[in-house]
Amino acid sequence: MRSASDTSDTGNMPVRLASSRATAGRIPRRWVPVLRGVWMACALLLLANMVASIPRYDQILSTVCSLPNQGDCLADVGQLTTTTVQSLAQLHLSLSTYAAYFVTFDVLVSLLPWGIGVLLFWRKSDEWLGLFVSLLLILVGGNGVSNTLSGLWMPSPPSPLFTTLLTVSSAAQWIGVGAFLLTFPTGRFAPRWSWVILVFWITALLQPPIQPLLPAGPTAAMLQGVVFLLETVLVFGGALFVLVYRYRRVFDATQRQQTKWVVYGAAVWFVVYLVGNTLSNVLPAQSPYQLLAPTVTLVLPSVFLYLGLGFAILRYRLWDVDTIINRTLVYGTLTAMLSLTYVGVILLVHALTQTLTEQQIADLPPVIVGSTLLIIALFNPLRRRIQTFIDRRFYRRKYDAETILAAFTTTLRTEVDLSDLSEHLVHVVVETMQPTQSSLWLRPPPPQHKPGEL
């Protein structure tokens, strides 16, 4: 049986599908050595900046924040405040130990984009997209997580030349991210007008002064808010629209899988970052969690983004992302629902016991044990229901195909008529694979010879 969607006859020659490697765009051979030399020079300068900034970063973290608004210390570089230092003493840890831990963690995470960037340079430095993304990763890694290792070695006041170079380096990261979103993974602007979004992206970076052009008073604040909202819609909304358009209209199957890896890494990064920031704002300043907040909110989430980007560009195990996304949705939803159920049961029982018996929940161990057993009992049934819902909602074609194949397996056990079985088989192929044309060829039985015939 052959499907017209799978093969195409052009004479007797097989048709080769264009690979995504060809669409990425190769660099002319004469320019490859030059661009590789520029890449190596930039990488060495960024590496020197990173190594020279590490001792100064350790020195900053080893001192207590002295800024008037101490919330900026933790948000910028992870420097501890007077309140969080007291929590550190409660854990029997010194400030130098905290600084060594955080600097080590920051450097290790910063080395991850370095490793992926060097691997991309080694494997795909003859492609525009591979060279561009590898340099962008080196730029991000060389400046550290959230620019924590960028230019800390410079004396105060810094030299205008070095200040300009650091400003250009930071701007290059922002512009590079915009260019990546608008051209990934083909390396070209599609649709052609999408380069206008990059212009808006650069304009948002420059932040042209509009205050002198606005009238004084409340109207100026309102107009500034309108301008900021318009700028956000044009920059991020435009980039998202182009990405969705390219995914639906431009990308082939391989390029869609590459996009899924990047989106998956960005989604996990955003969720972990959001959870970390939420906990940091909800918990009191004296909580020991505040010591881990910079690591959770600034350092750890970026790991997922770098890994997703590396898998996408290297095109390694692309189709595994569907299974990973499915499992993440299932077990992430399951964890959230079970946690809410557990906390809800504990709070409900706590309120009832306080009202009726005026006892604390800690005085009723059976309540804790019963809540835990309830969660264990709900685990498998709830997981199956969530799995079925997600398969129906997000993987409808796969779910329908599995349902049809299961029904066909049952039919095979009972159907004995060959013509009916053939019709069922063709129906299953059409419903699951959806070819443009299908046909079934049955091999005729061999002729039976009479006794004595050769």
Foldseek 3Di string as FASTA:
>chain_A
DDFPVPFDDDDPDGDDDDDLVVLLAFDPPVCLVVLVVVLVVLLVVLQVLQVLQLVLLLVQQLDADDDPPNVVVCVQQNRHHPLLCVLCVVVVHHSSVLSVVVSVLQLVLLCLLVVLLVVLCVVPSRGPQSPLSSSLSSLDSSLIFNSNRGPSNADPPGDPVSVVVSLVSVLCNQLSVQQCLQQPPSNAHPPPVLVVLSVLSSCVVVVDDCQVVDDDDPVSVVVVVVVVVVSCCSRVVSSVVSNVCCLVPPDDPLRVLLVLLQVVLVVQLVVQLVVLVVCCVPDDSNDNVSSCSSCRNTRPSVSSNSVSNSCSNVVPPSVCSVVVVLVCQLVVVLVVVLVVQLVVQLVVVQVVCCVPPVDGSVVPVVSVVVSVVVSVVVRVVSSVVSSVVCCVPPVVLVVVLVVLVVVLVVCVVPDDDPVVNVVSVVVSCCSNVVGPDDDDDDDDDDDDDDPPDD
